[in-house]
Amino acid sequence: MKIYTKTGDDGTTGLYGGTRVPKYHLRIESYGTVDELNSWIGLIKDQDIADSLKKTLLVLQDKLFTIGALLAIDPKKEKLKNGKDRLQITKISTADIEVLEQEIDQMDTLLPPMTHFVLPGGHTTVSYCHIARTICRRAERLVTELHAMEPLDPSLLSYLNRLSDFLFVLARKLTYDLGAEEIKWIPEKKNQ
């Protein structure tokens, strides 16, 4: 498989199914942002963290590739002539979302209760988690907008929403695992 095809030199790209769209199309922005998120999660996975977390992050990367592939399908051509799905992959399921919720709950039991918002930072690995979280929120916003224009499987939205929660709790857990300081955001009071 050649890396370059030259078909995108005119500013368009192909969706699964063959439809060509501009590279700035909301569908491309959506799966491009999911791809960006996947890269940041790869960076987190490459840090000095527990092997169990690395395994979890690898599963998340796989799910994000699935989401990207599902977003790359032209909805008008998602079925083949024989009625089968064009992309023969397992979709995001309720069980996938529940796994994220279980991971969140498990990590949360090890952490002190949150009493304030926290400022991103304290350790490079923690900062990577916060960057991934904000990119996940951006992906969620874009996919939500796309869903309003061309209805998608709602599980994609739920998964991205839960994933951003997971990344926030992971940042907190890594703060404690790495002995970093969690800085609470305490708003300044107005001078009266």
Protein backbone atom coordinates (compact mmCIF):
# COMPACT_ATOMS: atom_id res chain seq x y z
CA MET A 1 0.00 0.00 0.00
CA LYS A 2 1.48 3.35 -1.04
CA ILE A 3 1.50 6.10 1.55
CA TYR A 4 0.86 8.88 -0.92
CA THR A 5 -1.89 8.74 -3.53
CA LYS A 6 -1.90 12.36 -4.76
CA THR A 7 -5.73 12.25 -4.73
CA GLY A 8 -5.84 14.81 -1.93
CA ASP A 9 -3.74 17.39 -3.70
CA ASP A 10 -6.90 19.25 -4.71
CA GLY A 11 -7.96 19.72 -1.06
CA THR A 12 -10.41 16.82 -0.95
CA THR A 13 -10.31 13.43 0.70
CA GLY A 14 -12.27 10.24 0.28
CA LEU A 15 -14.68 8.72 2.76
CA TYR A 16 -15.33 4.98 3.01
CA GLY A 17 -17.68 4.42 0.13
CA GLY A 18 -15.75 6.66 -2.26
CA THR A 19 -17.45 10.02 -1.73
CA ARG A 20 -14.97 12.91 -1.94
CA VAL A 21 -15.37 15.81 0.47
CA PRO A 22 -13.30 18.92 1.27
CA LYS A 23 -10.63 18.34 3.89
CA TYR A 24 -12.31 20.96 6.08
CA HIS A 25 -15.62 18.99 6.09
CA LEU A 26 -17.04 18.51 9.60
CA ARG A 27 -16.81 14.73 9.21
CA ILE A 28 -13.06 15.06 8.51
CA GLU A 29 -12.63 17.50 11.42
CA SER A 30 -14.42 14.99 13.65
CA TYR A 31 -12.36 11.93 12.86
CA GLY A 32 -9.19 14.00 12.56
CA THR A 33 -9.68 15.22 16.11
CA VAL A 34 -10.34 11.66 17.29
CA ASP A 35 -7.03 10.72 15.61
CA GLU A 36 -5.28 13.61 17.38
CA LEU A 37 -6.71 12.39 20.69
CA ASN A 38 -5.47 8.88 19.93
CA SER A 39 -1.93 10.22 19.44
CA TRP A 40 -1.98 12.00 22.81
CA ILE A 41 -3.22 8.83 24.50
CA GLY A 42 -0.29 7.05 22.87
CA LEU A 43 2.02 9.63 24.44
CA ILE A 44 0.46 9.04 27.87
CA LYS A 45 0.87 5.29 27.37
CA ASP A 46 4.58 5.81 26.62
CA GLN A 47 5.18 7.42 30.02
CA ASP A 48 6.45 5.69 33.14
CA ILE A 49 3.06 4.52 34.41
CA ALA A 50 1.65 1.20 35.64
CA ASP A 51 1.45 -1.59 33.08
CA SER A 52 -2.24 -2.06 33.88
CA LEU A 53 -2.88 1.55 32.81
CA LYS A 54 -0.85 1.03 29.64
CA LYS A 55 -3.06 -1.95 28.76
CA THR A 56 -6.20 0.10 29.40
CA LEU A 57 -4.88 2.93 27.23
CA LEU A 58 -4.11 0.49 24.41
CA VAL A 59 -7.74 -0.69 24.49
CA LEU A 60 -8.86 2.96 24.38
CA GLN A 61 -6.67 3.58 21.34
CA ASP A 62 -8.29 0.62 19.59
CA LYS A 63 -11.77 1.99 20.38
CA LEU A 64 -10.76 5.42 19.07
CA PHE A 65 -9.63 3.85 15.79
CA THR A 66 -13.05 2.20 15.60
CA ILE A 67 -14.77 5.56 16.20
CA GLY A 68 -12.60 7.22 13.55
CA ALA A 69 -13.43 4.50 11.04
CA LEU A 70 -17.16 4.79 11.79
CA LEU A 71 -16.99 8.56 11.35
CA ALA A 72 -15.20 8.12 8.01
CA ILE A 73 -18.13 6.28 6.43
CA ASP A 74 -20.37 8.18 4.03
CA PRO A 75 -23.80 7.68 5.67
CA LYS A 76 -25.41 7.39 2.23
CA LYS A 77 -23.07 4.52 1.39
CA GLU A 78 -22.67 2.76 4.72
CA LYS A 79 -24.40 -0.38 3.40
CA LEU A 80 -23.14 -2.47 0.53
CA LYS A 81 -25.54 -3.57 -2.20
CA ASN A 82 -26.05 -6.87 -0.35
CA GLY A 83 -27.24 -4.94 2.73
CA LYS A 84 -24.15 -5.62 4.85
CA ASP A 85 -22.24 -2.87 6.62
CA ARG A 86 -19.52 -1.40 4.39
CA LEU A 87 -17.07 -1.45 7.28
CA GLN A 88 -16.97 -4.89 8.86
CA ILE A 89 -15.91 -3.88 12.37
CA THR A 90 -17.48 -4.20 15.79
CA LYS A 91 -19.22 -0.98 16.75
CA ILE A 92 -18.96 0.84 20.07
CA SER A 93 -21.26 -0.90 22.52
CA THR A 94 -22.92 -0.18 25.83
CA ALA A 95 -20.40 -2.62 27.34
CA ASP A 96 -17.52 -0.45 26.06
CA ILE A 97 -19.01 2.56 27.82
CA GLU A 98 -19.58 0.53 30.99
CA VAL A 99 -15.89 -0.51 30.99
CA LEU A 100 -14.94 3.18 31.07
CA GLU A 101 -17.37 3.79 33.92
CA GLN A 102 -15.91 0.85 35.89
CA GLU A 103 -12.38 2.16 35.32
CA ILE A 104 -13.45 5.63 36.49
CA ASP A 105 -15.15 4.22 39.61
CA GLN A 106 -12.16 2.02 40.43
CA MET A 107 -9.67 4.90 40.16
CA ASP A 108 -11.98 7.26 42.03
CA THR A 109 -12.12 4.97 45.09
CA LEU A 110 -8.36 5.47 45.48
CA LEU A 111 -8.54 9.27 45.41
CA PRO A 112 -9.47 11.86 48.01
CA PRO A 113 -12.85 13.49 47.38
CA MET A 114 -12.82 16.46 45.04
CA THR A 115 -13.75 19.69 46.77
CA HIS A 116 -12.67 22.15 44.05
CA PHE A 117 -11.82 22.27 40.39
CA VAL A 118 -8.17 21.46 39.81
CA LEU A 119 -5.68 23.31 37.66
CA PRO A 120 -4.03 21.20 34.95
CA GLY A 121 -0.38 20.48 35.62
CA GLY A 122 1.87 19.33 38.40
CA HIS A 123 3.72 16.72 36.34
CA THR A 124 4.32 16.30 32.61
CA THR A 125 2.37 13.03 32.44
CA VAL A 126 -0.58 14.62 34.25
CA SER A 127 -0.47 17.54 31.82
CA TYR A 128 -0.58 15.11 28.89
CA CYS A 129 -3.78 13.67 30.39
CA HIS A 130 -5.34 17.11 30.64
CA ILE A 131 -4.39 17.90 27.04
CA ALA A 132 -5.96 14.60 25.93
CA ARG A 133 -9.07 15.42 28.00
CA THR A 134 -9.54 18.79 26.32
CA ILE A 135 -9.00 17.29 22.85
CA CYS A 136 -11.56 14.63 23.74
CA ARG A 137 -14.04 17.38 24.65
CA ARG A 138 -13.33 19.08 21.31
CA ALA A 139 -13.90 15.78 19.50
CA GLU A 140 -17.15 15.38 21.40
CA ARG A 141 -18.30 18.87 20.37
CA LEU A 142 -17.48 18.21 16.71
CA VAL A 143 -19.12 14.78 16.69
CA THR A 144 -22.19 16.26 18.40
CA GLU A 145 -22.42 18.91 15.68
CA LEU A 146 -22.02 16.24 12.99
CA HIS A 147 -24.71 14.15 14.72
CA ALA A 148 -27.10 17.12 14.52
CA MET A 149 -26.54 17.28 10.73
CA GLU A 150 -26.28 13.56 9.96
CA PRO A 151 -27.49 11.30 12.78
CA LEU A 152 -24.81 8.94 14.10
CA ASP A 153 -24.85 6.00 16.45
CA PRO A 154 -25.46 7.71 19.83
CA SER A 155 -22.93 5.36 21.47
CA LEU A 156 -20.14 7.37 19.80
CA LEU A 157 -21.23 10.48 21.69
CA SER A 158 -21.60 8.59 24.97
CA TYR A 159 -18.19 6.98 24.59
CA LEU A 160 -16.41 10.28 23.94
CA ASN A 161 -18.23 11.90 26.86
CA ARG A 162 -17.26 9.11 29.23
CA LEU A 163 -13.70 9.02 27.86
CA SER A 164 -13.16 12.67 28.78
CA ASP A 165 -14.35 11.87 32.31
CA PHE A 166 -11.94 8.91 32.38
CA LEU A 167 -9.03 11.12 31.29
CA PHE A 168 -9.84 13.64 34.04
CA VAL A 169 -9.87 10.94 36.72
CA LEU A 170 -6.73 9.39 35.22
CA ALA A 171 -5.00 12.77 35.53
CA ARG A 172 -5.97 12.90 39.20
CA LYS A 173 -4.84 9.32 39.80
CA LEU A 174 -1.50 9.92 38.12
CA THR A 175 -1.08 13.07 40.20
CA TYR A 176 -1.19 10.90 43.30
CA ASP A 177 0.76 7.96 41.80
CA LEU A 178 3.57 10.30 40.74
CA GLY A 179 3.61 12.29 43.97
CA ALA A 180 2.70 15.50 42.18
CA GLU A 181 0.79 18.38 43.71
CA GLU A 182 -2.88 18.74 42.84
CA ILE A 183 -3.52 22.48 42.77
CA LYS A 184 -7.07 23.45 43.59
CA TRP A 185 -8.63 26.33 41.72
CA ILE A 186 -9.96 28.77 44.27
CA PRO A 187 -11.50 31.81 42.58
CA GLU A 188 -10.28 35.19 43.73
CA LYS A 189 -12.87 37.13 45.63
CA LYS A 190 -13.92 40.49 44.24
CA ASN A 191 -12.68 43.57 46.03
CA GLN A 192 -15.72 45.22 47.46
